Amino acid sequence: MTAVSSTVARVANRGQKTIEGRGWVLAPPHASGAARATATVGAVRRALALIVAIGMVVGAVFVRRAIDDDPNPSASSSQDPSSQATGKVLCASDLGDVCTALRDATIEEPSLTVERLAKGEPLGADAWVVAGPWPQIASERAARQGRSTGLTVAKSPIARTPLAFFLRTAAADAVRGQCGAAIDWKCLLKSAASVRVDFEDPSTSTAGLLAVIQQAASFYGSFDFGSNDFRLFDRELAQLKSGRAPAPSGATVFERFALFSHADVLSGLTAVGNQQLQRAQFKDKLVPATAGPTVVADAVIALTVNTSPVKNDDVRTAFAKAGWTTTGLDSPADVPTADVVIALQDLWKGLR
């Protein structure tokens, strides 16, 4: 400090003036050209340094504010967490042994998945292996609430199996005697007094949903029907619902039959039913029969990301081993639109 004070004193003694508080030295009018140039350059350098310092402080303030305002500072604002790959697979519980064949797949009832998606919740997986028309139902229900499921479904299914009847062996001849070789719901309804029929809940099960679609197609003579036509069909559906063979417990028709042998006719997916027939508790107790009109379950892979965590060939192999058809499936099956299917489910729920 002493050396600096001495230097300042010497500068002052030479006739130069110091601007108080700034540290700038101005050369007097009579100073030489070199001295005046040196003083001016020093002043400019100090002014630029001050401007740079102020700019750095202001920039730091803006950066700090931007960080504080970002709810997720570790991710870009353009990223959507729900669209990020998880590496997980979700599989519909009513696909039988297919889900157990898919490595590390989480199993969930398809109606529960639809409920979550309709509420705006994420799928929680990159891929959903499920039978149609559940993805379409989810998209329709979400759209009614101004939401999107974000699901992408290929036009061509990956596997297919038809709906079938499974007859109690002891009653098979009697059922065929009343209905013939081609058993349909019209005949079963007429035979309700002597033939006990069971099918699953269409609001929660693929087999149950297809059974009600099949019942409506049998009633109208085609799949070309709409919810405005239900004024006539609701009476028939009410009879079928009230006439279902009761059982104290069991989530599926096959579980109920294994426990109680409670029905003469079961409605179920062909591939799933045939797998059940291979189990010891069903040996010689049930026989399959064609159900008319033909209704099929199309299995699809619904994606939430661009790349699936499972290979199509692996999923196709799992379905093939479970007895599903996996070749020659260029177009989806002929089923009512999602809004009509939802109307059928709502009709079912409203019946006692």
Protein backbone atom coordinates (compact mmCIF):
# COMPACT_ATOMS: atom_id res chain seq x y z
CA MET A 1 0.00 0.00 0.00
CA THR A 2 2.88 2.38 0.75
CA ALA A 3 4.38 1.90 -2.70
CA VAL A 4 1.00 2.51 -4.37
CA SER A 5 0.45 5.71 -2.32
CA SER A 6 3.85 6.99 -3.26
CA THR A 7 3.16 6.34 -6.93
CA VAL A 8 -0.17 8.19 -6.79
CA ALA A 9 1.52 11.09 -5.05
CA ARG A 10 4.16 11.30 -7.71
CA VAL A 11 1.50 11.30 -10.45
CA ALA A 12 -0.39 14.09 -8.70
CA ASN A 13 2.81 16.09 -8.27
CA ARG A 14 3.31 15.96 -12.02
CA GLY A 15 0.14 17.98 -12.51
CA GLN A 16 -2.24 15.08 -13.28
CA LYS A 17 -5.66 14.75 -11.66
CA THR A 18 -7.26 11.59 -10.19
CA ILE A 19 -11.05 11.11 -10.32
CA GLU A 20 -11.99 10.32 -6.76
CA GLY A 21 -13.48 6.86 -6.20
CA ARG A 22 -12.84 5.67 -9.78
CA GLY A 23 -9.09 5.22 -9.94
CA TRP A 24 -8.92 6.91 -13.30
CA VAL A 25 -6.04 9.29 -13.97
CA LEU A 26 -6.57 12.19 -16.37
CA ALA A 27 -3.69 13.96 -18.00
CA PRO A 28 -3.73 17.77 -17.73
CA PRO A 29 -4.05 19.84 -20.86
CA HIS A 30 -0.36 20.63 -20.97
CA ALA A 31 0.72 16.95 -20.76
CA SER A 32 2.63 15.39 -23.63
CA GLY A 33 0.77 13.42 -26.37
CA ALA A 34 2.23 10.08 -25.18
CA ALA A 35 1.12 10.68 -21.60
CA ARG A 36 -2.40 11.61 -22.67
CA ALA A 37 -2.68 8.50 -24.90
CA THR A 38 -1.51 6.22 -22.08
CA ALA A 39 -4.09 7.66 -19.70
CA THR A 40 -6.92 7.32 -22.23
CA VAL A 41 -6.12 3.65 -23.00
CA GLY A 42 -6.07 2.82 -19.31
CA ALA A 43 -9.45 4.48 -18.80
CA VAL A 44 -11.02 2.56 -21.70
CA ARG A 45 -9.69 -0.76 -20.43
CA ARG A 46 -11.10 -0.16 -16.98
CA ALA A 47 -14.49 0.85 -18.43
CA LEU A 48 -14.67 -2.31 -20.57
CA ALA A 49 -13.74 -4.48 -17.58
CA LEU A 50 -16.57 -2.89 -15.57
CA ILE A 51 -19.08 -3.48 -18.40
CA VAL A 52 -18.03 -7.14 -18.71
CA ALA A 53 -18.37 -7.64 -14.97
CA ILE A 54 -21.88 -6.15 -14.95
CA GLY A 55 -22.87 -8.37 -17.90
CA MET A 56 -21.66 -11.50 -16.11
CA VAL A 57 -23.69 -10.65 -13.01
CA VAL A 58 -26.86 -9.97 -15.02
CA GLY A 59 -26.40 -13.20 -17.04
CA ALA A 60 -25.96 -15.21 -13.85
CA VAL A 61 -29.22 -13.80 -12.48
CA PHE A 62 -31.17 -14.82 -15.61
CA VAL A 63 -29.66 -18.33 -15.57
CA ARG A 64 -30.59 -18.74 -11.92
CA ARG A 65 -34.17 -17.67 -12.62
CA ALA A 66 -34.44 -20.11 -15.54
CA ILE A 67 -33.29 -23.00 -13.34
CA ASP A 68 -35.72 -22.05 -10.57
CA ASP A 69 -38.62 -21.89 -13.02
CA ASP A 70 -37.89 -25.32 -14.59
CA PRO A 71 -39.74 -28.07 -12.66
CA ASN A 72 -37.35 -30.68 -14.09
CA PRO A 73 -33.96 -29.00 -14.59
CA SER A 74 -32.26 -32.28 -15.45
CA ALA A 75 -34.40 -32.80 -18.59
CA SER A 76 -35.08 -30.72 -21.64
CA SER A 77 -38.41 -28.90 -21.63
CA SER A 78 -39.28 -30.61 -24.90
CA GLN A 79 -39.06 -34.07 -23.36
CA ASP A 80 -42.24 -35.88 -22.28
CA PRO A 81 -41.45 -38.36 -19.47
CA SER A 82 -44.43 -40.52 -20.44
CA SER A 83 -42.91 -41.06 -23.89
CA GLN A 84 -39.56 -42.29 -22.60
CA ALA A 85 -38.78 -45.98 -23.02
CA THR A 86 -39.15 -48.13 -19.89
CA GLY A 87 -38.19 -51.53 -21.30
CA LYS A 88 -41.37 -53.00 -19.78
CA VAL A 89 -44.12 -55.13 -21.33
CA LEU A 90 -47.73 -55.28 -20.18
CA CYS A 91 -49.77 -58.37 -21.05
CA ALA A 92 -53.54 -58.83 -20.80
CA SER A 93 -54.41 -61.46 -18.21
CA ASP A 94 -57.03 -63.23 -20.34
CA LEU A 95 -54.56 -64.36 -23.02
CA GLY A 96 -53.92 -67.62 -21.20
CA ASP A 97 -50.37 -69.00 -21.22
CA VAL A 98 -49.10 -66.36 -23.62
CA CYS A 99 -48.23 -63.90 -20.88
CA THR A 100 -46.20 -66.42 -18.90
CA ALA A 101 -44.18 -67.13 -22.05
CA LEU A 102 -43.21 -63.47 -22.42
CA ARG A 103 -40.14 -62.75 -20.34
CA ASP A 104 -40.61 -60.27 -17.46
CA ALA A 105 -44.08 -59.27 -18.63
CA THR A 106 -46.43 -57.61 -16.14
CA ILE A 107 -49.92 -59.13 -16.24
CA GLU A 108 -53.03 -56.98 -15.82
CA GLU A 109 -56.73 -57.36 -16.58
CA PRO A 110 -57.40 -55.44 -19.82
CA SER A 111 -60.37 -53.54 -18.40
CA LEU A 112 -58.16 -52.17 -15.60
CA THR A 113 -55.60 -51.01 -18.15
CA VAL A 114 -58.37 -49.27 -20.09
CA GLU A 115 -59.57 -47.52 -16.93
CA ARG A 116 -56.08 -46.16 -16.24
CA LEU A 117 -55.55 -44.97 -19.80
CA ALA A 118 -58.97 -43.30 -19.92
CA LYS A 119 -58.05 -41.33 -16.78
CA GLY A 120 -54.92 -40.02 -18.47
CA GLU A 121 -52.50 -42.29 -16.62
CA PRO A 122 -49.53 -43.66 -18.55
CA LEU A 123 -49.50 -47.28 -19.69
CA GLY A 124 -46.47 -47.90 -17.50
CA ALA A 125 -44.86 -49.98 -20.23
CA ASP A 126 -43.52 -49.65 -23.76
CA ALA A 127 -45.77 -52.37 -25.17
CA TRP A 128 -49.20 -53.75 -24.37
CA VAL A 129 -49.90 -57.27 -25.63
CA VAL A 130 -53.69 -57.53 -25.71
CA ALA A 131 -56.65 -58.69 -27.77
CA GLY A 132 -58.75 -56.22 -29.67
CA PRO A 133 -60.83 -54.24 -29.32
CA TRP A 134 -59.39 -53.13 -25.93
CA PRO A 135 -56.87 -50.59 -27.37
CA GLN A 136 -59.67 -49.07 -29.45
CA ILE A 137 -61.94 -48.95 -26.40
CA ALA A 138 -59.20 -47.18 -24.43
CA SER A 139 -58.66 -44.62 -27.21
CA GLU A 140 -62.39 -43.95 -27.57
CA ARG A 141 -62.95 -43.49 -23.84
CA ALA A 142 -59.91 -41.24 -23.52
CA ALA A 143 -61.03 -39.15 -26.52
CA ARG A 144 -64.41 -38.57 -24.89
CA GLN A 145 -62.54 -36.82 -22.08
CA GLY A 146 -60.31 -34.84 -24.41
CA ARG A 147 -57.29 -37.08 -23.87
CA SER A 148 -55.09 -39.33 -25.94
CA THR A 149 -53.69 -42.70 -24.92
CA GLY A 150 -50.62 -42.24 -27.11
CA LEU A 151 -50.97 -45.83 -28.29
CA THR A 152 -49.90 -46.96 -31.74
CA VAL A 153 -51.47 -50.19 -33.01
CA ALA A 154 -50.51 -51.97 -36.23
CA LYS A 155 -53.35 -52.63 -38.66
CA SER A 156 -52.53 -56.32 -38.98
CA PRO A 157 -52.95 -58.50 -35.85
CA ILE A 158 -50.12 -60.66 -34.61
CA ALA A 159 -52.31 -63.64 -33.66
CA ARG A 160 -55.93 -64.77 -33.85
CA THR A 161 -58.28 -67.29 -32.26
CA PRO A 162 -62.05 -67.71 -32.66
CA LEU A 163 -64.67 -67.80 -29.96
CA ALA A 164 -65.99 -71.33 -29.35
CA PHE A 165 -68.38 -73.31 -27.20
CA PHE A 166 -67.14 -76.00 -24.85
CA LEU A 167 -69.78 -78.59 -24.05
CA ARG A 168 -69.96 -80.69 -20.94
CA THR A 169 -69.31 -84.17 -22.28
CA ALA A 170 -72.32 -85.68 -20.55
CA ALA A 171 -74.64 -83.04 -22.07
CA ALA A 172 -73.03 -82.71 -25.52
CA ASP A 173 -75.44 -85.03 -27.30
CA ALA A 174 -78.47 -83.32 -25.77
CA VAL A 175 -77.20 -79.85 -26.78
CA ARG A 176 -76.45 -80.96 -30.33
CA GLY A 177 -79.82 -82.65 -30.48
CA GLN A 178 -81.53 -79.34 -29.82
CA CYS A 179 -79.22 -77.01 -31.76
CA GLY A 180 -77.61 -79.16 -34.43
CA ALA A 181 -73.96 -79.17 -35.37
CA ALA A 182 -73.76 -75.34 -35.63
CA ILE A 183 -74.62 -74.07 -32.17
CA ASP A 184 -75.61 -70.42 -31.85
CA TRP A 185 -77.00 -68.14 -29.16
CA LYS A 186 -80.53 -68.17 -30.54
CA CYS A 187 -80.75 -71.90 -29.91
CA LEU A 188 -79.12 -71.65 -26.51
CA LEU A 189 -81.60 -68.96 -25.49
CA LYS A 190 -84.54 -71.13 -26.58
CA SER A 191 -83.05 -74.07 -24.70
CA ALA A 192 -82.35 -72.11 -21.54
CA ALA A 193 -84.82 -74.18 -19.53
CA SER A 194 -82.76 -77.34 -20.05
CA VAL A 195 -79.30 -76.12 -21.11
CA ARG A 196 -77.17 -74.22 -18.60
CA VAL A 197 -74.83 -71.71 -20.25
CA ASP A 198 -71.98 -69.67 -18.78
CA PHE A 199 -69.93 -66.85 -20.33
CA GLU A 200 -67.69 -64.20 -18.85
CA ASP A 201 -68.37 -60.57 -17.97
CA PRO A 202 -68.09 -58.47 -21.18
CA SER A 203 -66.98 -55.43 -19.21
CA THR A 204 -63.80 -57.16 -18.00
CA SER A 205 -63.05 -60.12 -20.27
CA THR A 206 -62.16 -60.48 -23.95
CA ALA A 207 -64.07 -63.77 -24.21
CA GLY A 208 -67.09 -62.23 -22.48
CA LEU A 209 -66.99 -59.13 -24.69
CA LEU A 210 -66.81 -61.22 -27.86
CA ALA A 211 -69.64 -63.42 -26.57
CA VAL A 212 -71.95 -60.40 -26.28
CA ILE A 213 -70.86 -59.18 -29.74
CA GLN A 214 -71.62 -62.67 -31.05
CA GLN A 215 -75.01 -62.64 -29.34
CA ALA A 216 -75.86 -59.30 -30.97
CA ALA A 217 -74.64 -60.47 -34.39
CA SER A 218 -76.76 -63.60 -34.03
CA PHE A 219 -79.77 -61.48 -33.09
CA TYR A 220 -79.37 -58.95 -35.95
CA GLY A 221 -78.03 -61.38 -38.52
CA SER A 222 -74.81 -59.40 -39.11
CA PHE A 223 -72.21 -57.22 -37.42
CA ASP A 224 -73.76 -54.12 -38.96
CA PHE A 225 -75.65 -52.80 -35.96
CA GLY A 226 -75.49 -49.69 -33.80
CA SER A 227 -76.37 -48.65 -30.29
CA ASN A 228 -79.68 -47.19 -31.53
CA ASP A 229 -80.76 -50.79 -32.27
CA PHE A 230 -80.37 -51.98 -28.68
CA ARG A 231 -84.00 -51.28 -27.77
CA LEU A 232 -84.84 -54.75 -29.09
CA PHE A 233 -81.62 -56.57 -28.24
CA ASP A 234 -81.57 -55.48 -24.60
CA ARG A 235 -84.41 -57.90 -23.73
CA GLU A 236 -82.53 -60.86 -25.20
CA LEU A 237 -79.29 -59.85 -23.50
CA ALA A 238 -81.15 -59.49 -20.20
CA GLN A 239 -82.45 -63.06 -20.56
CA LEU A 240 -78.96 -64.37 -21.32
CA LYS A 241 -77.47 -62.51 -18.36
CA SER A 242 -80.12 -63.61 -15.87
CA GLY A 243 -79.97 -67.17 -17.20
CA ARG A 244 -76.22 -67.61 -16.81
CA ALA A 245 -75.34 -70.73 -14.86
CA PRO A 246 -74.39 -69.53 -11.36
CA ALA A 247 -71.21 -70.52 -9.54
CA PRO A 248 -70.02 -69.38 -6.09
CA SER A 249 -66.51 -68.46 -7.24
CA GLY A 250 -64.04 -68.51 -10.10
CA ALA A 251 -62.72 -65.66 -12.26
CA THR A 252 -63.22 -67.46 -15.60
CA VAL A 253 -65.72 -69.96 -16.93
CA PHE A 254 -63.05 -72.64 -16.86
CA GLU A 255 -62.12 -71.97 -13.25
CA ARG A 256 -65.77 -72.14 -12.27
CA PHE A 257 -66.32 -75.36 -14.19
CA ALA A 258 -63.22 -76.97 -12.68
CA LEU A 259 -64.64 -76.28 -9.22
CA PHE A 260 -68.34 -76.97 -9.72
CA SER A 261 -69.07 -78.48 -13.19
CA HIS A 262 -71.90 -75.96 -13.07
CA ALA A 263 -72.77 -75.54 -16.77
CA ASP A 264 -73.54 -77.54 -19.91
CA VAL A 265 -72.08 -74.97 -22.31
CA LEU A 266 -69.14 -72.61 -21.79
CA SER A 267 -68.22 -69.74 -24.12
CA GLY A 268 -64.50 -69.08 -24.40
CA LEU A 269 -61.55 -68.39 -26.67
CA THR A 270 -60.64 -71.52 -28.65
CA ALA A 271 -56.89 -71.37 -27.92
CA VAL A 272 -57.41 -70.70 -24.21
CA GLY A 273 -60.06 -73.41 -23.91
CA ASN A 274 -57.97 -76.00 -25.72
CA GLN A 275 -55.13 -75.34 -23.31
CA GLN A 276 -57.52 -75.93 -20.43
CA LEU A 277 -58.65 -79.25 -21.93
CA GLN A 278 -55.06 -80.49 -21.62
CA ARG A 279 -55.17 -80.12 -17.85
CA ALA A 280 -56.03 -83.08 -15.68
CA GLN A 281 -59.12 -81.55 -14.07
CA PHE A 282 -60.80 -81.17 -17.49
CA LYS A 283 -59.90 -84.58 -18.94
CA ASP A 284 -62.95 -86.09 -20.64
CA LYS A 285 -65.21 -83.45 -19.11
CA LEU A 286 -65.46 -80.92 -21.96
CA VAL A 287 -65.52 -81.09 -25.75
CA PRO A 288 -65.12 -78.11 -28.12
CA ALA A 289 -67.82 -77.05 -30.58
CA THR A 290 -67.99 -74.37 -33.26
CA ALA A 291 -69.88 -71.22 -32.25
CA GLY A 292 -71.83 -69.20 -34.79
CA PRO A 293 -71.66 -66.64 -36.18
CA THR A 294 -67.85 -66.63 -36.27
CA VAL A 295 -66.24 -64.05 -34.01
CA VAL A 296 -62.48 -63.91 -33.46
CA ALA A 297 -60.07 -62.33 -31.03
CA ASP A 298 -57.22 -60.46 -32.74
CA ALA A 299 -54.13 -60.07 -30.60
CA VAL A 300 -52.05 -56.94 -31.14
CA ILE A 301 -49.03 -55.13 -29.74
CA ALA A 302 -49.96 -51.58 -28.78
CA LEU A 303 -46.88 -49.34 -28.42
CA THR A 304 -46.25 -46.14 -26.50
CA VAL A 305 -42.73 -45.67 -27.93
CA ASN A 306 -41.20 -46.07 -31.38
CA THR A 307 -39.27 -49.22 -30.51
CA SER A 308 -40.87 -52.22 -28.82
CA PRO A 309 -38.97 -53.91 -25.95
CA VAL A 310 -40.11 -57.26 -27.35
CA LYS A 311 -39.60 -58.63 -30.82
CA ASN A 312 -42.67 -59.39 -32.88
CA ASP A 313 -41.28 -62.82 -33.70
CA ASP A 314 -40.94 -63.66 -30.00
CA VAL A 315 -44.54 -62.60 -29.31
CA ARG A 316 -45.77 -64.45 -32.39
CA THR A 317 -43.94 -67.59 -31.23
CA ALA A 318 -45.55 -67.35 -27.79
CA PHE A 319 -49.01 -67.15 -29.36
CA ALA A 320 -48.29 -70.00 -31.77
CA LYS A 321 -47.20 -72.27 -28.92
CA ALA A 322 -50.42 -71.37 -27.11
CA GLY A 323 -52.51 -72.53 -30.07
CA TRP A 324 -53.28 -69.18 -31.75
CA THR A 325 -53.14 -68.69 -35.52
CA THR A 326 -50.18 -66.46 -36.42
CA THR A 327 -50.01 -66.57 -40.24
CA GLY A 328 -52.12 -65.14 -43.02
CA LEU A 329 -53.42 -62.28 -40.88
CA ASP A 330 -53.31 -59.36 -43.29
CA SER A 331 -56.36 -57.44 -42.02
CA PRO A 332 -58.25 -57.08 -38.74
CA ALA A 333 -61.41 -59.04 -38.03
CA ASP A 334 -64.85 -57.61 -38.68
CA VAL A 335 -66.13 -56.28 -35.35
CA PRO A 336 -68.29 -53.28 -34.39
CA THR A 337 -66.62 -49.92 -33.85
CA ALA A 338 -65.31 -48.99 -30.42
CA ASP A 339 -68.25 -46.70 -29.61
CA VAL A 340 -70.74 -49.52 -30.30
CA VAL A 341 -68.69 -51.96 -28.21
CA ILE A 342 -68.65 -49.49 -25.32
CA ALA A 343 -72.42 -49.11 -25.68
CA LEU A 344 -72.76 -52.90 -25.41
CA GLN A 345 -70.67 -52.91 -22.24
CA ASP A 346 -72.76 -50.11 -20.76
CA LEU A 347 -75.94 -51.96 -21.71
CA TRP A 348 -74.65 -55.07 -19.93
CA LYS A 349 -73.79 -53.11 -16.79
CA GLY A 350 -77.26 -51.58 -16.69
CA LEU A 351 -79.06 -54.94 -16.84
CA ARG A 352 -79.99 -56.84 -13.71
